[in-house]
Amino acid sequence: ASPARCRHCNGPLGLPSAGASRDEST
């Protein structure tokens, strides 16, 4: 449960909105 951080800038990781980085098949 540790916050997921970017390895480059230490910013928070999230999942983008539909159509940006989604696997439509699954």
PDB file of all heavy atoms in Angstrom:
ATOM      1  N   ALA A   1       0.804  -1.233   0.000  1.00  0.00           N
ATOM      2  CA  ALA A   1       0.000   0.000   0.000  1.00  0.00           C
ATOM      3  C   ALA A   1       0.830   1.273   0.000  1.00  0.00           C
ATOM      4  O   ALA A   1       0.313   2.351   0.270  1.00  0.00           O
ATOM      5  CB  ALA A   1      -0.980   0.025   1.161  1.00  0.00           C
ATOM      6  N   SER A   2       2.146   1.183  -0.318  1.00  0.00           N
ATOM      7  CA  SER A   2       2.956   2.394  -0.447  1.00  0.00           C
ATOM      8  C   SER A   2       2.525   3.168  -1.683  1.00  0.00           C
ATOM      9  O   SER A   2       2.203   2.568  -2.718  1.00  0.00           O
ATOM     10  CB  SER A   2       4.440   2.037  -0.556  1.00  0.00           C
ATOM     11  OG  SER A   2       4.885   1.401   0.615  1.00  0.00           O
ATOM     12  N   PRO A   3       2.504   4.494  -1.634  1.00  0.00           N
ATOM     13  CA  PRO A   3       2.108   5.271  -2.820  1.00  0.00           C
ATOM     14  C   PRO A   3       2.988   4.938  -4.015  1.00  0.00           C
ATOM     15  O   PRO A   3       4.209   4.798  -3.888  1.00  0.00           O
ATOM     16  CB  PRO A   3       2.304   6.724  -2.366  1.00  0.00           C
ATOM     17  CG  PRO A   3       2.214   6.677  -0.875  1.00  0.00           C
ATOM     18  CD  PRO A   3       2.797   5.365  -0.475  1.00  0.00           C
ATOM     19  N   ALA A   4       2.363   4.761  -5.170  1.00  0.00           N
ATOM     20  CA  ALA A   4       3.096   4.463  -6.406  1.00  0.00           C
ATOM     21  C   ALA A   4       3.680   5.755  -6.953  1.00  0.00           C
ATOM     22  O   ALA A   4       2.938   6.696  -7.257  1.00  0.00           O
ATOM     23  CB  ALA A   4       2.175   3.808  -7.425  1.00  0.00           C
ATOM     24  N   ARG A   5       5.020   5.799  -7.104  1.00  0.00           N
ATOM     25  CA  ARG A   5       5.713   7.009  -7.515  1.00  0.00           C
ATOM     26  C   ARG A   5       6.466   6.795  -8.818  1.00  0.00           C
ATOM     27  O   ARG A   5       6.945   5.700  -9.109  1.00  0.00           O
ATOM     28  CB  ARG A   5       6.702   7.449  -6.426  1.00  0.00           C
ATOM     29  CG  ARG A   5       6.041   7.921  -5.142  1.00  0.00           C
ATOM     30  CD  ARG A   5       5.400   9.274  -5.326  1.00  0.00           C
ATOM     31  NE  ARG A   5       4.749   9.756  -4.114  1.00  0.00           N
ATOM     32  CZ  ARG A   5       4.137  10.928  -4.034  1.00  0.00           C
ATOM     33  NH1 ARG A   5       4.120  11.724  -5.092  1.00  0.00           N
ATOM     34  NH2 ARG A   5       3.547  11.305  -2.929  1.00  0.00           N
ATOM     35  N   CYS A   6       6.566   7.893  -9.584  1.00  0.00           N
ATOM     36  CA  CYS A   6       7.316   7.875 -10.836  1.00  0.00           C
ATOM     37  C   CYS A   6       8.805   7.755 -10.517  1.00  0.00           C
ATOM     38  O   CYS A   6       9.330   8.466  -9.650  1.00  0.00           O
ATOM     39  CB  CYS A   6       7.029   9.148 -11.624  1.00  0.00           C
ATOM     40  SG  CYS A   6       8.039   9.362 -13.103  1.00  0.00           S
ATOM     41  N   ARG A   7       9.527   6.867 -11.236  1.00  0.00           N
ATOM     42  CA  ARG A   7      10.953   6.685 -10.977  1.00  0.00           C
ATOM     43  C   ARG A   7      11.787   7.841 -11.527  1.00  0.00           C
ATOM     44  O   ARG A   7      12.968   7.955 -11.223  1.00  0.00           O
ATOM     45  CB  ARG A   7      11.427   5.360 -11.593  1.00  0.00           C
ATOM     46  CG  ARG A   7      11.404   5.322 -13.101  1.00  0.00           C
ATOM     47  CD  ARG A   7      11.766   3.950 -13.631  1.00  0.00           C
ATOM     48  NE  ARG A   7      10.650   3.025 -13.456  1.00  0.00           N
ATOM     49  CZ  ARG A   7      10.730   1.727 -13.749  1.00  0.00           C
ATOM     50  NH1 ARG A   7      11.868   1.207 -14.161  1.00  0.00           N
ATOM     51  NH2 ARG A   7       9.678   0.946 -13.614  1.00  0.00           N
ATOM     52  N   HIS A   8      11.188   8.722 -12.330  1.00  0.00           N
ATOM     53  CA  HIS A   8      11.924   9.840 -12.919  1.00  0.00           C
ATOM     54  C   HIS A   8      11.806  11.119 -12.085  1.00  0.00           C
ATOM     55  O   HIS A   8      12.799  11.795 -11.826  1.00  0.00           O
ATOM     56  CB  HIS A   8      11.436  10.098 -14.345  1.00  0.00           C
ATOM     57  CG  HIS A   8      11.666   8.945 -15.272  1.00  0.00           C
ATOM     58  ND1 HIS A   8      12.881   8.682 -15.846  1.00  0.00           N
ATOM     59  CD2 HIS A   8      10.815   7.973 -15.707  1.00  0.00           C
ATOM     60  CE1 HIS A   8      12.787   7.597 -16.617  1.00  0.00           C
ATOM     61  NE2 HIS A   8      11.545   7.156 -16.546  1.00  0.00           N
ATOM     62  N   CYS A   9      10.581  11.475 -11.679  1.00  0.00           N
ATOM     63  CA  CYS A   9      10.379  12.745 -10.978  1.00  0.00           C
ATOM     64  C   CYS A   9       9.744  12.584  -9.607  1.00  0.00           C
ATOM     65  O   CYS A   9       9.476  13.573  -8.933  1.00  0.00           O
ATOM     66  CB  CYS A   9       9.524  13.690 -11.827  1.00  0.00           C
ATOM     67  SG  CYS A   9       7.787  13.187 -11.951  1.00  0.00           S
ATOM     68  N   ASN A  10       9.445  11.321  -9.217  1.00  0.00           N
ATOM     69  CA  ASN A  10       8.822  11.017  -7.931  1.00  0.00           C
ATOM     70  C   ASN A  10       7.385  11.530  -7.836  1.00  0.00           C
ATOM     71  O   ASN A  10       6.836  11.674  -6.751  1.00  0.00           O
ATOM     72  CB  ASN A  10       9.639  11.581  -6.767  1.00  0.00           C
ATOM     73  CG  ASN A  10       9.350  10.845  -5.458  1.00  0.00           C
ATOM     74  OD1 ASN A  10       9.188   9.625  -5.461  1.00  0.00           O
ATOM     75  ND2 ASN A  10       9.266  11.572  -4.361  1.00  0.00           N
ATOM     76  N   GLY A  11       6.769  11.824  -8.981  1.00  0.00           N
ATOM     77  CA  GLY A  11       5.373  12.241  -8.987  1.00  0.00           C
ATOM     78  C   GLY A  11       4.439  11.062  -8.795  1.00  0.00           C
ATOM     79  O   GLY A  11       4.835   9.896  -8.919  1.00  0.00           O
ATOM     80  N   PRO A  12       3.176  11.296  -8.469  1.00  0.00           N
ATOM     81  CA  PRO A  12       2.218  10.203  -8.248  1.00  0.00           C
ATOM     82  C   PRO A  12       1.822   9.533  -9.564  1.00  0.00           C
ATOM     83  O   PRO A  12       1.618  10.201 -10.578  1.00  0.00           O
ATOM     84  CB  PRO A  12       1.025  10.912  -7.611  1.00  0.00           C
ATOM     85  CG  PRO A  12       1.108  12.315  -8.119  1.00  0.00           C
ATOM     86  CD  PRO A  12       2.567  12.624  -8.260  1.00  0.00           C
ATOM     87  N   LEU A  13       1.717   8.219  -9.538  1.00  0.00           N
ATOM     88  CA  LEU A  13       1.258   7.476 -10.702  1.00  0.00           C
ATOM     89  C   LEU A  13      -0.259   7.345 -10.668  1.00  0.00           C
ATOM     90  O   LEU A  13      -0.855   7.155  -9.611  1.00  0.00           O
ATOM     91  CB  LEU A  13       1.885   6.081 -10.748  1.00  0.00           C
ATOM     92  CG  LEU A  13       3.389   5.993 -10.998  1.00  0.00           C
ATOM     93  CD1 LEU A  13       3.822   4.530 -11.047  1.00  0.00           C
ATOM     94  CD2 LEU A  13       3.776   6.709 -12.285  1.00  0.00           C
ATOM     95  N   GLY A  14      -0.855   7.448 -11.842  1.00  0.00           N
ATOM     96  CA  GLY A  14      -2.291   7.254 -11.981  1.00  0.00           C
ATOM     97  C   GLY A  14      -2.580   6.593 -13.300  1.00  0.00           C
ATOM     98  O   GLY A  14      -1.680   6.349 -14.113  1.00  0.00           O
ATOM     99  N   LEU A  15      -3.845   6.288 -13.526  1.00  0.00           N
ATOM    100  CA  LEU A  15      -4.252   5.703 -14.796  1.00  0.00           C
ATOM    101  C   LEU A  15      -5.082   6.726 -15.551  1.00  0.00           C
ATOM    102  O   LEU A  15      -6.045   7.267 -15.000  1.00  0.00           O
ATOM    103  CB  LEU A  15      -5.050   4.420 -14.577  1.00  0.00           C
ATOM    104  CG  LEU A  15      -4.220   3.268 -14.002  1.00  0.00           C
ATOM    105  CD1 LEU A  15      -5.122   2.102 -13.660  1.00  0.00           C
ATOM    106  CD2 LEU A  15      -3.155   2.837 -14.988  1.00  0.00           C
ATOM    107  N   PRO A  16      -4.717   7.021 -16.799  1.00  0.00           N
ATOM    108  CA  PRO A  16      -5.403   8.083 -17.546  1.00  0.00           C
ATOM    109  C   PRO A  16      -6.814   7.707 -17.914  1.00  0.00           C
ATOM    110  O   PRO A  16      -7.248   6.573 -17.752  1.00  0.00           O
ATOM    111  CB  PRO A  16      -4.523   8.253 -18.792  1.00  0.00           C
ATOM    112  CG  PRO A  16      -3.852   6.938 -18.954  1.00  0.00           C
ATOM    113  CD  PRO A  16      -3.648   6.388 -17.572  1.00  0.00           C
ATOM    114  N   SER A  17      -7.526   8.709 -18.421  1.00  0.00           N
ATOM    115  CA  SER A  17      -8.915   8.512 -18.812  1.00  0.00           C
ATOM    116  C   SER A  17      -9.007   7.617 -20.028  1.00  0.00           C
ATOM    117  O   SER A  17      -8.020   7.289 -20.678  1.00  0.00           O
ATOM    118  CB  SER A  17      -9.577   9.858 -19.112  1.00  0.00           C
ATOM    119  OG  SER A  17      -9.550  10.665 -17.969  1.00  0.00           O
ATOM    120  N   ALA A  18     -10.219   7.244 -20.354  1.00  0.00           N
ATOM    121  CA  ALA A  18     -10.468   6.322 -21.457  1.00  0.00           C
ATOM    122  C   ALA A  18      -9.847   6.823 -22.746  1.00  0.00           C
ATOM    123  O   ALA A  18      -9.906   7.987 -23.085  1.00  0.00           O
ATOM    124  CB  ALA A  18     -11.971   6.132 -21.640  1.00  0.00           C
ATOM    125  N   GLY A  19      -9.227   5.888 -23.461  1.00  0.00           N
ATOM    126  CA  GLY A  19      -8.672   6.216 -24.762  1.00  0.00           C
ATOM    127  C   GLY A  19      -7.248   6.674 -24.723  1.00  0.00           C
ATOM    128  O   GLY A  19      -6.583   6.755 -25.746  1.00  0.00           O
ATOM    129  N   ALA A  20      -6.694   6.988 -23.529  1.00  0.00           N
ATOM    130  CA  ALA A  20      -5.326   7.478 -23.447  1.00  0.00           C
ATOM    131  C   ALA A  20      -4.341   6.340 -23.284  1.00  0.00           C
ATOM    132  O   ALA A  20      -3.411   6.192 -24.046  1.00  0.00           O
ATOM    133  CB  ALA A  20      -5.190   8.474 -22.297  1.00  0.00           C
ATOM    134  N   SER A  21      -4.517   5.503 -22.278  1.00  0.00           N
ATOM    135  CA  SER A  21      -3.613   4.379 -22.061  1.00  0.00           C
ATOM    136  C   SER A  21      -4.415   3.187 -21.576  1.00  0.00           C
ATOM    137  O   SER A  21      -4.136   2.604 -20.548  1.00  0.00           O
ATOM    138  CB  SER A  21      -2.528   4.744 -21.045  1.00  0.00           C
ATOM    139  OG  SER A  21      -1.682   5.728 -21.539  1.00  0.00           O
ATOM    140  N   ARG A  22      -5.429   2.799 -22.319  1.00  0.00           N
ATOM    141  CA  ARG A  22      -6.292   1.708 -21.918  1.00  0.00           C
ATOM    142  C   ARG A  22      -6.203   0.591 -22.928  1.00  0.00           C
ATOM    143  O   ARG A  22      -6.099   0.809 -24.136  1.00  0.00           O
ATOM    144  CB  ARG A  22      -7.750   2.202 -21.846  1.00  0.00           C
ATOM    145  CG  ARG A  22      -7.973   3.286 -20.821  1.00  0.00           C
ATOM    146  CD  ARG A  22      -8.357   2.721 -19.493  1.00  0.00           C
ATOM    147  NE  ARG A  22      -9.534   1.888 -19.657  1.00  0.00           N
ATOM    148  CZ  ARG A  22     -10.767   2.384 -19.772  1.00  0.00           C
ATOM    149  NH1 ARG A  22     -10.974   3.666 -19.738  1.00  0.00           N
ATOM    150  NH2 ARG A  22     -11.793   1.573 -19.914  1.00  0.00           N
ATOM    151  N   ASP A  23      -6.248  -0.636 -22.452  1.00  0.00           N
ATOM    152  CA  ASP A  23      -6.266  -1.813 -23.316  1.00  0.00           C
ATOM    153  C   ASP A  23      -7.716  -2.141 -23.606  1.00  0.00           C
ATOM    154  O   ASP A  23      -8.413  -2.743 -22.803  1.00  0.00           O
ATOM    155  CB  ASP A  23      -5.568  -2.981 -22.605  1.00  0.00           C
ATOM    156  CG  ASP A  23      -5.493  -4.236 -23.478  1.00  0.00           C
ATOM    157  OD1 ASP A  23      -6.155  -4.246 -24.523  1.00  0.00           O
ATOM    158  OD2 ASP A  23      -4.767  -5.185 -23.089  1.00  0.00           O
ATOM    159  N   GLU A  24      -8.200  -1.713 -24.779  1.00  0.00           N
ATOM    160  CA  GLU A  24      -9.624  -1.843 -25.088  1.00  0.00           C
ATOM    161  C   GLU A  24     -10.052  -3.300 -25.213  1.00  0.00           C
ATOM    162  O   GLU A  24     -11.207  -3.643 -25.019  1.00  0.00           O
ATOM    163  CB  GLU A  24      -9.944  -1.092 -26.389  1.00  0.00           C
ATOM    164  CG  GLU A  24      -9.629   0.400 -26.327  1.00  0.00           C
ATOM    165  CD  GLU A  24     -10.457   1.133 -25.309  1.00  0.00           C
ATOM    166  OE1 GLU A  24     -11.481   0.612 -24.880  1.00  0.00           O
ATOM    167  OE2 GLU A  24     -10.059   2.255 -24.923  1.00  0.00           O
ATOM    168  N   SER A  25      -9.124  -4.193 -25.580  1.00  0.00           N
ATOM    169  CA  SER A  25      -9.499  -5.585 -25.762  1.00  0.00           C
ATOM    170  C   SER A  25      -9.845  -6.271 -24.450  1.00  0.00           C
ATOM    171  O   SER A  25     -10.672  -7.158 -24.383  1.00  0.00           O
ATOM    172  CB  SER A  25      -8.354  -6.346 -26.445  1.00  0.00           C
ATOM    173  OG  SER A  25      -7.201  -6.336 -25.616  1.00  0.00           O
ATOM    174  N   THR A  26      -9.169  -5.866 -23.376  1.00  0.00           N
ATOM    175  CA  THR A  26      -9.429  -6.469 -22.066  1.00  0.00           C
ATOM    176  C   THR A  26     -10.283  -5.581 -21.183  1.00  0.00           C
ATOM    177  O   THR A  26     -10.695  -5.989 -20.107  1.00  0.00           O
ATOM    178  CB  THR A  26      -8.101  -6.765 -21.344  1.00  0.00           C
ATOM    179  OG1 THR A  26      -7.415  -5.539 -21.146  1.00  0.00           O
ATOM    180  CG2 THR A  26      -7.235  -7.705 -22.156  1.00  0.00           C
TER     181      THR A  26
END
